[in-house]
Amino acid sequence: MSIIKGSWNNEATLPIKCPECRHITHELISKLQNAKSCFCAGCGKNIIITGDGLASLEALKKTIEGFKQ
């Protein structure tokens, strides 16, 4: 099972689990790179990407950029 959905471009998404309701929202990686947050599709809570999640997102961004070259 792949964590990332979509192609290696602006259509790729990541699953984000809401800390409140545990609903999984699939958010565009390109949006997360800019906003560092998303809204839960289940309860509407704003989920802020911090700490390890933010470090992982930055590492993923570098990997994607490497594939685009």
N, C-alpha and C. Protein backbone atom coordinates (compact mmCIF):
# COMPACT_ATOMS: atom_id res chain seq x y z
N MET A 1 0.84 -1.19 0.00
CA MET A 1 0.00 0.00 0.00
C MET A 1 0.88 1.24 0.00
N SER A 2 0.66 2.13 -0.93
CA SER A 2 1.44 3.35 -1.04
C SER A 2 0.84 4.44 -0.17
N ILE A 3 1.70 5.19 0.48
CA ILE A 3 1.24 6.31 1.30
C ILE A 3 0.90 7.49 0.41
N ILE A 4 1.73 7.71 -0.61
CA ILE A 4 1.52 8.84 -1.50
C ILE A 4 0.60 8.43 -2.62
N LYS A 5 -0.39 9.24 -2.89
CA LYS A 5 -1.30 9.02 -4.01
C LYS A 5 -1.04 10.07 -5.06
N GLY A 6 -1.19 9.68 -6.32
CA GLY A 6 -0.99 10.62 -7.42
C GLY A 6 0.40 10.49 -7.99
N SER A 7 0.67 11.28 -9.00
CA SER A 7 1.97 11.25 -9.65
C SER A 7 2.93 12.18 -8.91
N TRP A 8 4.20 12.14 -9.31
CA TRP A 8 5.23 12.96 -8.67
C TRP A 8 5.17 14.38 -9.21
N ASN A 9 4.05 15.01 -9.03
CA ASN A 9 3.91 16.41 -9.44
C ASN A 9 2.92 17.08 -8.50
N ASN A 10 2.28 18.10 -8.90
CA ASN A 10 1.37 18.83 -8.01
C ASN A 10 0.09 18.09 -7.69
N GLU A 11 -0.11 16.87 -8.22
CA GLU A 11 -1.30 16.10 -7.92
C GLU A 11 -1.08 15.09 -6.80
N ALA A 12 0.15 14.91 -6.32
CA ALA A 12 0.45 13.93 -5.29
C ALA A 12 -0.14 14.37 -3.94
N THR A 13 -0.71 13.41 -3.22
CA THR A 13 -1.32 13.70 -1.91
C THR A 13 -0.72 12.82 -0.83
N LEU A 14 -0.86 13.28 0.41
CA LEU A 14 -0.46 12.51 1.58
C LEU A 14 -1.66 12.36 2.50
N PRO A 15 -1.76 11.21 3.19
CA PRO A 15 -2.83 11.06 4.17
C PRO A 15 -2.43 11.76 5.47
N ILE A 16 -3.33 12.57 6.00
CA ILE A 16 -3.12 13.27 7.26
C ILE A 16 -4.21 12.83 8.24
N LYS A 17 -3.79 12.25 9.37
CA LYS A 17 -4.76 11.79 10.37
C LYS A 17 -5.05 12.91 11.36
N CYS A 18 -6.31 13.20 11.55
CA CYS A 18 -6.73 14.25 12.48
C CYS A 18 -6.48 13.80 13.92
N PRO A 19 -5.84 14.63 14.73
CA PRO A 19 -5.61 14.26 16.12
C PRO A 19 -6.89 14.28 16.96
N GLU A 20 -7.94 14.95 16.48
CA GLU A 20 -9.21 15.02 17.21
C GLU A 20 -10.13 13.84 16.91
N CYS A 21 -10.48 13.66 15.63
CA CYS A 21 -11.49 12.66 15.28
C CYS A 21 -10.90 11.42 14.60
N ARG A 22 -9.58 11.45 14.29
CA ARG A 22 -8.86 10.33 13.66
C ARG A 22 -9.23 10.11 12.19
N HIS A 23 -10.02 11.01 11.62
CA HIS A 23 -10.36 10.92 10.20
C HIS A 23 -9.09 11.15 9.37
N ILE A 24 -8.96 10.45 8.26
CA ILE A 24 -7.81 10.63 7.39
C ILE A 24 -8.22 11.48 6.19
N THR A 25 -7.54 12.61 6.05
CA THR A 25 -7.76 13.54 4.94
C THR A 25 -6.57 13.44 4.01
N HIS A 26 -6.81 13.31 2.72
CA HIS A 26 -5.72 13.28 1.74
C HIS A 26 -5.52 14.70 1.22
N GLU A 27 -4.34 15.26 1.51
CA GLU A 27 -4.05 16.65 1.16
C GLU A 27 -2.93 16.71 0.13
N LEU A 28 -3.02 17.67 -0.79
CA LEU A 28 -1.98 17.86 -1.79
C LEU A 28 -0.65 18.21 -1.13
N ILE A 29 0.42 17.52 -1.56
CA ILE A 29 1.75 17.81 -1.02
C ILE A 29 2.13 19.25 -1.33
N SER A 30 1.81 19.70 -2.54
CA SER A 30 2.15 21.08 -2.92
C SER A 30 1.49 22.10 -1.99
N LYS A 31 0.28 21.82 -1.54
CA LYS A 31 -0.40 22.73 -0.61
C LYS A 31 0.26 22.68 0.77
N LEU A 32 0.61 21.47 1.22
CA LEU A 32 1.24 21.33 2.52
C LEU A 32 2.60 22.01 2.56
N GLN A 33 3.33 21.98 1.44
CA GLN A 33 4.64 22.62 1.39
C GLN A 33 4.52 24.12 1.60
N ASN A 34 3.44 24.71 1.15
CA ASN A 34 3.24 26.15 1.30
C ASN A 34 2.55 26.52 2.61
N ALA A 35 1.49 25.80 2.94
CA ALA A 35 0.66 26.19 4.08
C ALA A 35 1.09 25.57 5.40
N LYS A 36 1.68 24.38 5.38
CA LYS A 36 2.08 23.63 6.58
C LYS A 36 0.89 23.31 7.48
N SER A 37 -0.31 23.32 6.89
CA SER A 37 -1.52 22.95 7.63
C SER A 37 -2.61 22.56 6.64
N CYS A 38 -3.65 21.90 7.18
CA CYS A 38 -4.82 21.57 6.36
C CYS A 38 -6.02 21.44 7.29
N PHE A 39 -7.19 21.36 6.70
CA PHE A 39 -8.41 21.19 7.48
C PHE A 39 -8.88 19.75 7.39
N CYS A 40 -9.30 19.19 8.51
CA CYS A 40 -9.82 17.83 8.54
C CYS A 40 -11.16 17.79 7.80
N ALA A 41 -11.29 16.83 6.89
CA ALA A 41 -12.55 16.68 6.14
C ALA A 41 -13.64 16.09 7.03
N GLY A 42 -13.27 15.52 8.17
CA GLY A 42 -14.24 14.93 9.08
C GLY A 42 -14.86 15.92 10.04
N CYS A 43 -14.00 16.63 10.80
CA CYS A 43 -14.52 17.52 11.85
C CYS A 43 -14.24 19.00 11.58
N GLY A 44 -13.42 19.31 10.57
CA GLY A 44 -13.13 20.69 10.24
C GLY A 44 -12.00 21.33 11.01
N LYS A 45 -11.37 20.58 11.92
CA LYS A 45 -10.27 21.13 12.71
C LYS A 45 -9.09 21.47 11.81
N ASN A 46 -8.42 22.58 12.11
CA ASN A 46 -7.21 22.96 11.39
C ASN A 46 -6.05 22.12 11.94
N ILE A 47 -5.41 21.34 11.09
CA ILE A 47 -4.31 20.48 11.50
C ILE A 47 -3.01 21.15 11.06
N ILE A 48 -2.17 21.51 12.01
CA ILE A 48 -0.91 22.18 11.72
C ILE A 48 0.20 21.13 11.71
N ILE A 49 0.99 21.13 10.65
CA ILE A 49 2.08 20.19 10.51
C ILE A 49 3.31 20.78 11.21
N THR A 50 3.79 20.10 12.25
CA THR A 50 4.94 20.59 13.02
C THR A 50 5.89 19.44 13.32
N GLY A 51 7.00 19.75 13.92
CA GLY A 51 7.94 18.75 14.42
C GLY A 51 8.38 17.74 13.38
N ASP A 52 8.25 16.45 13.72
CA ASP A 52 8.65 15.36 12.83
C ASP A 52 7.88 15.39 11.52
N GLY A 53 6.61 15.74 11.58
CA GLY A 53 5.81 15.81 10.36
C GLY A 53 6.33 16.87 9.41
N LEU A 54 6.75 18.00 9.95
CA LEU A 54 7.29 19.07 9.12
C LEU A 54 8.64 18.66 8.54
N ALA A 55 9.48 18.00 9.34
CA ALA A 55 10.78 17.53 8.86
C ALA A 55 10.59 16.49 7.75
N SER A 56 9.62 15.60 7.92
CA SER A 56 9.33 14.60 6.90
C SER A 56 8.83 15.25 5.62
N LEU A 57 8.01 16.25 5.75
CA LEU A 57 7.49 16.96 4.58
C LEU A 57 8.62 17.65 3.82
N GLU A 58 9.56 18.25 4.52
CA GLU A 58 10.70 18.90 3.87
C GLU A 58 11.58 17.87 3.17
N ALA A 59 11.80 16.71 3.80
CA ALA A 59 12.59 15.65 3.17
C ALA A 59 11.89 15.14 1.91
N LEU A 60 10.57 15.00 1.98
CA LEU A 60 9.80 14.54 0.83
C LEU A 60 9.88 15.57 -0.30
N LYS A 61 9.84 16.84 0.05
CA LYS A 61 9.94 17.91 -0.95
C LYS A 61 11.27 17.80 -1.71
N LYS A 62 12.36 17.58 -0.99
CA LYS A 62 13.67 17.44 -1.62
C LYS A 62 13.71 16.21 -2.52
N THR A 63 13.10 15.13 -2.09
CA THR A 63 13.06 13.90 -2.89
C THR A 63 12.29 14.15 -4.19
N ILE A 64 11.15 14.78 -4.09
CA ILE A 64 10.32 15.08 -5.27
C ILE A 64 11.08 15.97 -6.23
N GLU A 65 11.76 16.98 -5.71
CA GLU A 65 12.53 17.88 -6.56
C GLU A 65 13.63 17.12 -7.29
N GLY A 66 14.23 16.12 -6.64
CA GLY A 66 15.26 15.30 -7.25
C GLY A 66 14.72 14.48 -8.40
N PHE A 67 13.49 13.99 -8.29
CA PHE A 67 12.86 13.23 -9.36
C PHE A 67 12.50 14.10 -10.56
N LYS A 68 12.20 15.35 -10.31
CA LYS A 68 11.79 16.26 -11.38
C LYS A 68 12.96 16.67 -12.27
N GLN A 69 14.18 16.56 -11.76
CA GLN A 69 15.36 17.02 -12.51
C GLN A 69 15.72 16.08 -13.62
